[in-house]
Amino acid sequence: MGVDTHRRRQYALSARDEAATVLLAPDASSRQQRYARVYLVSAQRFLDAWATLAMCDRGEGYPAAS
């Protein structure tokens, strides 16, 4: 993927969606749910960091701390 930020973001969105699907599946094992949580959190952290960088690139500054 290298520096292709668009592709990296698309992969993160896909990983997050797939993880959510597993977490909502009634037949998912506890092991599958544990891994899905890891993927969900990792993907969301990446997307949050990407959004912050995109805001800075547009000159909007950093979002307010919550």
PDB file of N, CA and C in Angstrom:
ATOM      1  N   MET A   1       0.817  -1.186   0.000  1.00  0.00           N
ATOM      2  CA  MET A   1       0.000   0.000   0.000  1.00  0.00           C
ATOM      3  C   MET A   1       0.865   1.256   0.000  1.00  0.00           C
ATOM      4  N   GLY A   2       1.963   1.241   0.688  1.00  0.00           N
ATOM      5  CA  GLY A   2       2.869   2.382   0.675  1.00  0.00           C
ATOM      6  C   GLY A   2       2.218   3.661   1.150  1.00  0.00           C
ATOM      7  N   VAL A   3       2.326   4.683   0.328  1.00  0.00           N
ATOM      8  CA  VAL A   3       1.802   5.999   0.711  1.00  0.00           C
ATOM      9  C   VAL A   3       0.440   6.282   0.092  1.00  0.00           C
ATOM     10  N   ASP A   4      -0.184   5.294  -0.478  1.00  0.00           N
ATOM     11  CA  ASP A   4      -1.504   5.467  -1.092  1.00  0.00           C
ATOM     12  C   ASP A   4      -2.560   5.570   0.009  1.00  0.00           C
ATOM     13  N   THR A   5      -2.765   6.792   0.500  1.00  0.00           N
ATOM     14  CA  THR A   5      -3.652   6.984   1.650  1.00  0.00           C
ATOM     15  C   THR A   5      -5.100   6.647   1.329  1.00  0.00           C
ATOM     16  N   HIS A   6      -5.516   6.884   0.095  1.00  0.00           N
ATOM     17  CA  HIS A   6      -6.899   6.544  -0.261  1.00  0.00           C
ATOM     18  C   HIS A   6      -7.128   5.042  -0.138  1.00  0.00           C
ATOM     19  N   ARG A   7      -6.188   4.272  -0.664  1.00  0.00           N
ATOM     20  CA  ARG A   7      -6.323   2.809  -0.596  1.00  0.00           C
ATOM     21  C   ARG A   7      -6.257   2.320   0.843  1.00  0.00           C
ATOM     22  N   ARG A   8      -5.356   2.892   1.642  1.00  0.00           N
ATOM     23  CA  ARG A   8      -5.249   2.502   3.055  1.00  0.00           C
ATOM     24  C   ARG A   8      -6.554   2.787   3.782  1.00  0.00           C
ATOM     25  N   ARG A   9      -7.156   3.936   3.505  1.00  0.00           N
ATOM     26  CA  ARG A   9      -8.429   4.278   4.142  1.00  0.00           C
ATOM     27  C   ARG A   9      -9.527   3.292   3.714  1.00  0.00           C
ATOM     28  N   GLN A  10      -9.551   2.925   2.434  1.00  0.00           N
ATOM     29  CA  GLN A  10     -10.544   1.968   1.956  1.00  0.00           C
ATOM     30  C   GLN A  10     -10.384   0.609   2.631  1.00  0.00           C
ATOM     31  N   TYR A  11      -9.139   0.175   2.813  1.00  0.00           N
ATOM     32  CA  TYR A  11      -8.899  -1.096   3.510  1.00  0.00           C
ATOM     33  C   TYR A  11      -9.363  -1.008   4.964  1.00  0.00           C
ATOM     34  N   ALA A  12      -9.116   0.110   5.613  1.00  0.00           N
ATOM     35  CA  ALA A  12      -9.542   0.280   7.005  1.00  0.00           C
ATOM     36  C   ALA A  12     -11.066   0.276   7.111  1.00  0.00           C
ATOM     37  N   LEU A  13     -11.735   0.931   6.177  1.00  0.00           N
ATOM     38  CA  LEU A  13     -13.206   0.920   6.179  1.00  0.00           C
ATOM     39  C   LEU A  13     -13.733  -0.496   5.987  1.00  0.00           C
ATOM     40  N   SER A  14     -13.112  -1.229   5.081  1.00  0.00           N
ATOM     41  CA  SER A  14     -13.529  -2.607   4.832  1.00  0.00           C
ATOM     42  C   SER A  14     -13.299  -3.489   6.054  1.00  0.00           C
ATOM     43  N   ALA A  15     -12.137  -3.342   6.691  1.00  0.00           N
ATOM     44  CA  ALA A  15     -11.841  -4.130   7.890  1.00  0.00           C
ATOM     45  C   ALA A  15     -12.836  -3.826   9.000  1.00  0.00           C
ATOM     46  N   ARG A  16     -13.158  -2.537   9.158  1.00  0.00           N
ATOM     47  CA  ARG A  16     -14.124  -2.149  10.191  1.00  0.00           C
ATOM     48  C   ARG A  16     -15.497  -2.751   9.906  1.00  0.00           C
ATOM     49  N   ASP A  17     -15.923  -2.707   8.650  1.00  0.00           N
ATOM     50  CA  ASP A  17     -17.225  -3.264   8.289  1.00  0.00           C
ATOM     51  C   ASP A  17     -17.277  -4.776   8.495  1.00  0.00           C
ATOM     52  N   GLU A  18     -16.218  -5.457   8.098  1.00  0.00           N
ATOM     53  CA  GLU A  18     -16.180  -6.911   8.275  1.00  0.00           C
ATOM     54  C   GLU A  18     -16.168  -7.287   9.756  1.00  0.00           C
ATOM     55  N   ALA A  19     -15.437  -6.525  10.558  1.00  0.00           N
ATOM     56  CA  ALA A  19     -15.401  -6.793  12.000  1.00  0.00           C
ATOM     57  C   ALA A  19     -16.779  -6.593  12.614  1.00  0.00           C
ATOM     58  N   ALA A  20     -17.465  -5.558  12.195  1.00  0.00           N
ATOM     59  CA  ALA A  20     -18.819  -5.309  12.716  1.00  0.00           C
ATOM     60  C   ALA A  20     -19.760  -6.448  12.329  1.00  0.00           C
ATOM     61  N   THR A  21     -19.596  -6.965  11.127  1.00  0.00           N
ATOM     62  CA  THR A  21     -20.426  -8.084  10.682  1.00  0.00           C
ATOM     63  C   THR A  21     -20.222  -9.297  11.581  1.00  0.00           C
ATOM     64  N   VAL A  22     -18.975  -9.588  11.908  1.00  0.00           N
ATOM     65  CA  VAL A  22     -18.677 -10.727  12.785  1.00  0.00           C
ATOM     66  C   VAL A  22     -19.254 -10.475  14.180  1.00  0.00           C
ATOM     67  N   LEU A  23     -19.092  -9.261  14.696  1.00  0.00           N
ATOM     68  CA  LEU A  23     -19.587  -8.967  16.041  1.00  0.00           C
ATOM     69  C   LEU A  23     -21.109  -9.087  16.130  1.00  0.00           C
ATOM     70  N   LEU A  24     -21.790  -8.837  15.036  1.00  0.00           N
ATOM     71  CA  LEU A  24     -23.254  -8.923  15.031  1.00  0.00           C
ATOM     72  C   LEU A  24     -23.779 -10.306  14.657  1.00  0.00           C
ATOM     73  N   ALA A  25     -22.896 -11.178  14.205  1.00  0.00           N
ATOM     74  CA  ALA A  25     -23.320 -12.520  13.799  1.00  0.00           C
ATOM     75  C   ALA A  25     -23.672 -13.358  15.025  1.00  0.00           C
ATOM     76  N   PRO A  26     -24.863 -13.915  15.046  1.00  0.00           N
ATOM     77  CA  PRO A  26     -25.271 -14.700  16.213  1.00  0.00           C
ATOM     78  C   PRO A  26     -24.481 -16.001  16.377  1.00  0.00           C
ATOM     79  N   ASP A  27     -23.874 -16.480  15.296  1.00  0.00           N
ATOM     80  CA  ASP A  27     -23.149 -17.749  15.374  1.00  0.00           C
ATOM     81  C   ASP A  27     -21.630 -17.564  15.481  1.00  0.00           C
ATOM     82  N   ALA A  28     -21.155 -16.341  15.708  1.00  0.00           N
ATOM     83  CA  ALA A  28     -19.714 -16.103  15.828  1.00  0.00           C
ATOM     84  C   ALA A  28     -19.214 -16.676  17.157  1.00  0.00           C
ATOM     85  N   SER A  29     -18.080 -17.350  17.083  1.00  0.00           N
ATOM     86  CA  SER A  29     -17.498 -17.916  18.303  1.00  0.00           C
ATOM     87  C   SER A  29     -16.868 -16.802  19.133  1.00  0.00           C
ATOM     88  N   SER A  30     -16.558 -17.099  20.371  1.00  0.00           N
ATOM     89  CA  SER A  30     -15.929 -16.088  21.221  1.00  0.00           C
ATOM     90  C   SER A  30     -14.560 -15.696  20.681  1.00  0.00           C
ATOM     91  N   ARG A  31     -13.851 -16.631  20.103  1.00  0.00           N
ATOM     92  CA  ARG A  31     -12.544 -16.324  19.506  1.00  0.00           C
ATOM     93  C   ARG A  31     -12.706 -15.375  18.314  1.00  0.00           C
ATOM     94  N   GLN A  32     -13.680 -15.650  17.467  1.00  0.00           N
ATOM     95  CA  GLN A  32     -13.939 -14.774  16.328  1.00  0.00           C
ATOM     96  C   GLN A  32     -14.325 -13.371  16.800  1.00  0.00           C
ATOM     97  N   GLN A  33     -15.103 -13.292  17.856  1.00  0.00           N
ATOM     98  CA  GLN A  33     -15.505 -11.993  18.380  1.00  0.00           C
ATOM     99  C   GLN A  33     -14.310 -11.228  18.959  1.00  0.00           C
ATOM    100  N   ARG A  34     -13.408 -11.926  19.634  1.00  0.00           N
ATOM    101  CA  ARG A  34     -12.205 -11.266  20.170  1.00  0.00           C
ATOM    102  C   ARG A  34     -11.370 -10.667  19.044  1.00  0.00           C
ATOM    103  N   TYR A  35     -11.129 -11.464  17.999  1.00  0.00           N
ATOM    104  CA  TYR A  35     -10.350 -10.960  16.867  1.00  0.00           C
ATOM    105  C   TYR A  35     -11.082  -9.808  16.175  1.00  0.00           C
ATOM    106  N   ALA A  36     -12.383  -9.930  16.046  1.00  0.00           N
ATOM    107  CA  ALA A  36     -13.159  -8.872  15.393  1.00  0.00           C
ATOM    108  C   ALA A  36     -13.060  -7.560  16.174  1.00  0.00           C
ATOM    109  N   ARG A  37     -13.077  -7.638  17.493  1.00  0.00           N
ATOM    110  CA  ARG A  37     -12.929  -6.422  18.301  1.00  0.00           C
ATOM    111  C   ARG A  37     -11.570  -5.759  18.059  1.00  0.00           C
ATOM    112  N   VAL A  38     -10.531  -6.587  17.969  1.00  0.00           N
ATOM    113  CA  VAL A  38      -9.187  -6.046  17.711  1.00  0.00           C
ATOM    114  C   VAL A  38      -9.165  -5.331  16.361  1.00  0.00           C
ATOM    115  N   TYR A  39      -9.714  -5.966  15.330  1.00  0.00           N
ATOM    116  CA  TYR A  39      -9.747  -5.352  14.001  1.00  0.00           C
ATOM    117  C   TYR A  39     -10.600  -4.089  14.005  1.00  0.00           C
ATOM    118  N   LEU A  40     -11.726  -4.132  14.685  1.00  0.00           N
ATOM    119  CA  LEU A  40     -12.614  -2.967  14.733  1.00  0.00           C
ATOM    120  C   LEU A  40     -11.923  -1.773  15.388  1.00  0.00           C
ATOM    121  N   VAL A  41     -11.309  -1.998  16.527  1.00  0.00           N
ATOM    122  CA  VAL A  41     -10.632  -0.915  17.242  1.00  0.00           C
ATOM    123  C   VAL A  41      -9.444  -0.397  16.428  1.00  0.00           C
ATOM    124  N   SER A  42      -8.656  -1.287  15.857  1.00  0.00           N
ATOM    125  CA  SER A  42      -7.497  -0.865  15.066  1.00  0.00           C
ATOM    126  C   SER A  42      -7.922  -0.053  13.847  1.00  0.00           C
ATOM    127  N   ALA A  43      -8.927  -0.529  13.153  1.00  0.00           N
ATOM    128  CA  ALA A  43      -9.399   0.188  11.968  1.00  0.00           C
ATOM    129  C   ALA A  43      -9.953   1.554  12.349  1.00  0.00           C
ATOM    130  N   GLN A  44     -10.701   1.619  13.428  1.00  0.00           N
ATOM    131  CA  GLN A  44     -11.283   2.902  13.837  1.00  0.00           C
ATOM    132  C   GLN A  44     -10.194   3.879  14.263  1.00  0.00           C
ATOM    133  N   ARG A  45      -9.174   3.399  14.951  1.00  0.00           N
ATOM    134  CA  ARG A  45      -8.054   4.277  15.333  1.00  0.00           C
ATOM    135  C   ARG A  45      -7.350   4.817  14.107  1.00  0.00           C
ATOM    136  N   PHE A  46      -7.131   3.963  13.116  1.00  0.00           N
ATOM    137  CA  PHE A  46      -6.508   4.419  11.884  1.00  0.00           C
ATOM    138  C   PHE A  46      -7.377   5.479  11.218  1.00  0.00           C
ATOM    139  N   LEU A  47      -8.679   5.224  11.134  1.00  0.00           N
ATOM    140  CA  LEU A  47      -9.582   6.176  10.485  1.00  0.00           C
ATOM    141  C   LEU A  47      -9.652   7.498  11.243  1.00  0.00           C
ATOM    142  N   ASP A  48      -9.632   7.436  12.556  1.00  0.00           N
ATOM    143  CA  ASP A  48      -9.635   8.671  13.352  1.00  0.00           C
ATOM    144  C   ASP A  48      -8.364   9.477  13.109  1.00  0.00           C
ATOM    145  N   ALA A  49      -7.226   8.795  13.060  1.00  0.00           N
ATOM    146  CA  ALA A  49      -5.952   9.481  12.806  1.00  0.00           C
ATOM    147  C   ALA A  49      -5.939  10.062  11.407  1.00  0.00           C
ATOM    148  N   TRP A  50      -6.465   9.321  10.447  1.00  0.00           N
ATOM    149  CA  TRP A  50      -6.522   9.796   9.072  1.00  0.00           C
ATOM    150  C   TRP A  50      -7.395  11.038   8.979  1.00  0.00           C
ATOM    151  N   ALA A  51      -8.537  11.041   9.670  1.00  0.00           N
ATOM    152  CA  ALA A  51      -9.435  12.196   9.638  1.00  0.00           C
ATOM    153  C   ALA A  51      -8.761  13.423  10.235  1.00  0.00           C
ATOM    154  N   THR A  52      -8.017  13.245  11.309  1.00  0.00           N
ATOM    155  CA  THR A  52      -7.308  14.361  11.931  1.00  0.00           C
ATOM    156  C   THR A  52      -6.279  14.934  10.964  1.00  0.00           C
ATOM    157  N   LEU A  53      -5.530  14.073  10.288  1.00  0.00           N
ATOM    158  CA  LEU A  53      -4.541  14.542   9.319  1.00  0.00           C
ATOM    159  C   LEU A  53      -5.208  15.252   8.147  1.00  0.00           C
ATOM    160  N   ALA A  54      -6.328  14.721   7.697  1.00  0.00           N
ATOM    161  CA  ALA A  54      -7.038  15.350   6.584  1.00  0.00           C
ATOM    162  C   ALA A  54      -7.540  16.735   6.982  1.00  0.00           C
ATOM    163  N   MET A  55      -8.015  16.872   8.218  1.00  0.00           N
ATOM    164  CA  MET A  55      -8.474  18.181   8.691  1.00  0.00           C
ATOM    165  C   MET A  55      -7.312  19.170   8.726  1.00  0.00           C
ATOM    166  N   CYS A  56      -6.158  18.721   9.183  1.00  0.00           N
ATOM    167  CA  CYS A  56      -4.981  19.598   9.259  1.00  0.00           C
ATOM    168  C   CYS A  56      -4.522  20.004   7.866  1.00  0.00           C
ATOM    169  N   ASP A  57      -4.588  19.076   6.922  1.00  0.00           N
ATOM    170  CA  ASP A  57      -4.195  19.391   5.549  1.00  0.00           C
ATOM    171  C   ASP A  57      -5.108  20.439   4.930  1.00  0.00           C
ATOM    172  N   ARG A  58      -6.361  20.481   5.372  1.00  0.00           N
ATOM    173  CA  ARG A  58      -7.301  21.474   4.863  1.00  0.00           C
ATOM    174  C   ARG A  58      -7.233  22.778   5.641  1.00  0.00           C
ATOM    175  N   GLY A  59      -6.353  22.841   6.644  1.00  0.00           N
ATOM    176  CA  GLY A  59      -6.203  24.057   7.433  1.00  0.00           C
ATOM    177  C   GLY A  59      -7.281  24.234   8.489  1.00  0.00           C
ATOM    178  N   GLU A  60      -7.960  23.154   8.847  1.00  0.00           N
ATOM    179  CA  GLU A  60      -9.023  23.236   9.835  1.00  0.00           C
ATOM    180  C   GLU A  60      -8.496  23.042  11.252  1.00  0.00           C
ATOM    181  N   GLY A  61      -7.227  22.744  11.392  1.00  0.00           N
ATOM    182  CA  GLY A  61      -6.657  22.532  12.727  1.00  0.00           C
ATOM    183  C   GLY A  61      -7.062  21.205  13.304  1.00  0.00           C
ATOM    184  N   TYR A  62      -6.653  20.999  14.518  1.00  0.00           N
ATOM    185  CA  TYR A  62      -6.968  19.753  15.221  1.00  0.00           C
ATOM    186  C   TYR A  62      -8.347  19.854  15.840  1.00  0.00           C
ATOM    187  N   PRO A  63      -9.081  18.745  15.865  1.00  0.00           N
ATOM    188  CA  PRO A  63     -10.388  18.773  16.506  1.00  0.00           C
ATOM    189  C   PRO A  63     -10.237  18.967  18.014  1.00  0.00           C
ATOM    190  N   ALA A  64     -11.267  19.496  18.622  1.00  0.00           N
ATOM    191  CA  ALA A  64     -11.250  19.719  20.076  1.00  0.00           C
ATOM    192  C   ALA A  64     -11.149  18.395  20.803  1.00  0.00           C
ATOM    193  N   ALA A  65     -10.358  18.374  21.868  1.00  0.00           N
ATOM    194  CA  ALA A  65     -10.222  17.165  22.690  1.00  0.00           C
ATOM    195  C   ALA A  65     -11.533  16.916  23.404  1.00  0.00           C
ATOM    196  N   SER A  66     -11.913  15.660  23.477  1.00  0.00           N
ATOM    197  CA  SER A  66     -13.158  15.347  24.183  1.00  0.00           C
ATOM    198  C   SER A  66     -12.899  14.790  25.541  1.00  0.00           C
TER     199      SER A  66
END
